[in-house]
């Protein structure tokens, strides 16, 4: 098989599926069985040929990607970011004054994360990244290929575990006022909206911790810890468009969980919420003008600097490679220098546009001593897998992280992946028993979903033509360039 083939991927290749959802792929003398819906063929070896690979920038009917834009569908002019990392970390600094309270929060899995010294993200950079995110692959599409936000990236940057511990519980009964009162004494109906607890109410529990006011009551430590973690969830990890937290999340913050230092898997639902937020904001729909970027998007700013090596207003501190969490390895120079570069969307967008395979650090973590940490080793192993990201509340279904599309980041080698599953954007409500059985065997090995003997850049230019390849920049609308493809020049 040669990467020099002139055949172009088809837009809608026909696929057959098995009667069962088991796929067998022969590797050497062993049969590897993966439970994966709607796999490619009925053959013993389902590896597609080069000619069978499809465009990866195809979205469902009526979906328009934000990078396309049009006169009828507004674009990024109305984008807003929801959430504040700075507010969360400032609250924690007050918590750190009281040792017993600090221990409660730290033991819930946030000791490393809350030690971060960072400010709010550059929203213009986030806007520029949004137009590179594609729900069809759950990766960022650059001119030189795909760049993913992997579980390893998440853990190295935040210090929050991924794939370790108990599944985060969720229970709608806490949306009732009488149940919420058991968690927060004195809460009233005006502090809840449609089963959600307002962030403004949760923030009231910060004031007694102000060291200057001397209002701290050690008997209320559990409530203080609960309010802070709930605020962090609603303002940062699971932010939404209504400045409130779904009360069902309180199921993870009972007295038993906080006192027992329950080891929850926070990373999986946090990444699921981020993926979902990016999926929604990267697609334009008629009649919807204002769009919110939700989830823990702030981490993407540091992720971008790690891979793309653009200093701008963030600079590396001494002994950078071994700092953990890695966000703390970046120092913000904006306040001291008065730099306004973070206001320039055009500069940031051009920096992303002209990145190529030679000026991206595809493995920014490989020099770090922190790779020996248990949570990092687990995340590193899962980053080569196809992992279902269980979302809470569970009615939202399951999203997917596809490790086969991030092999360059994990192995340093260019690898051509299978087409993403047609159901990547959302599977039906997750089967709890099936999910646990898959988790027990580390899900699906992404190395089983690679096409051999194909040149990566030849593949990439055909499955997702770059704006400079088969596309033309025609005008600028607001703060985003609008692409219009010459579809007549693309053969499917």
Foldseek 3Di string as FASTA:
>chain_A
DAQPDPQFEDADADFDFDPAQWAWADDDPDIDIARHPRQGHPDNHRFDDLRHFAFLQDDDPQWDFLQADDPQFAHDPQEDEFFWPAVLLVLVVLQVVDVVLNCLLVLLQQVQQSVADDGFALVLLLSLQLSQAGLSAQFGQALAATAHCFLLLVCLQRVGFALDFAAQFFDLVQLDPVNVCVLPPPDDPVQHDPQWGALVVLCVLSVCSPPVVVNDDPVCSLSSSLSSVLSCCCRAQQDDDPRTGRRRSCVCRDPCNSVVSGHYRPPLQSVVNQSLLSNVNRIIHRPDHRHYRDGNSRSVRVVCCLWQVDPQQWDADPPQLADPSNSNRIDGNCVVPVDPVSVASPVSNVSRRPDHPVRTPLASNPVYPCCPPPSSVLRLLLLQFWAWRQHPVQQQATAINQSLSSVCSNPVDDWAFHRRDPCRSGDGRDDVVVNVVCSVVSHGRNVSGTHPNHDRSSSSCSSHNDCVGQWDFDDDDNSHTHIDGPCVVHDD
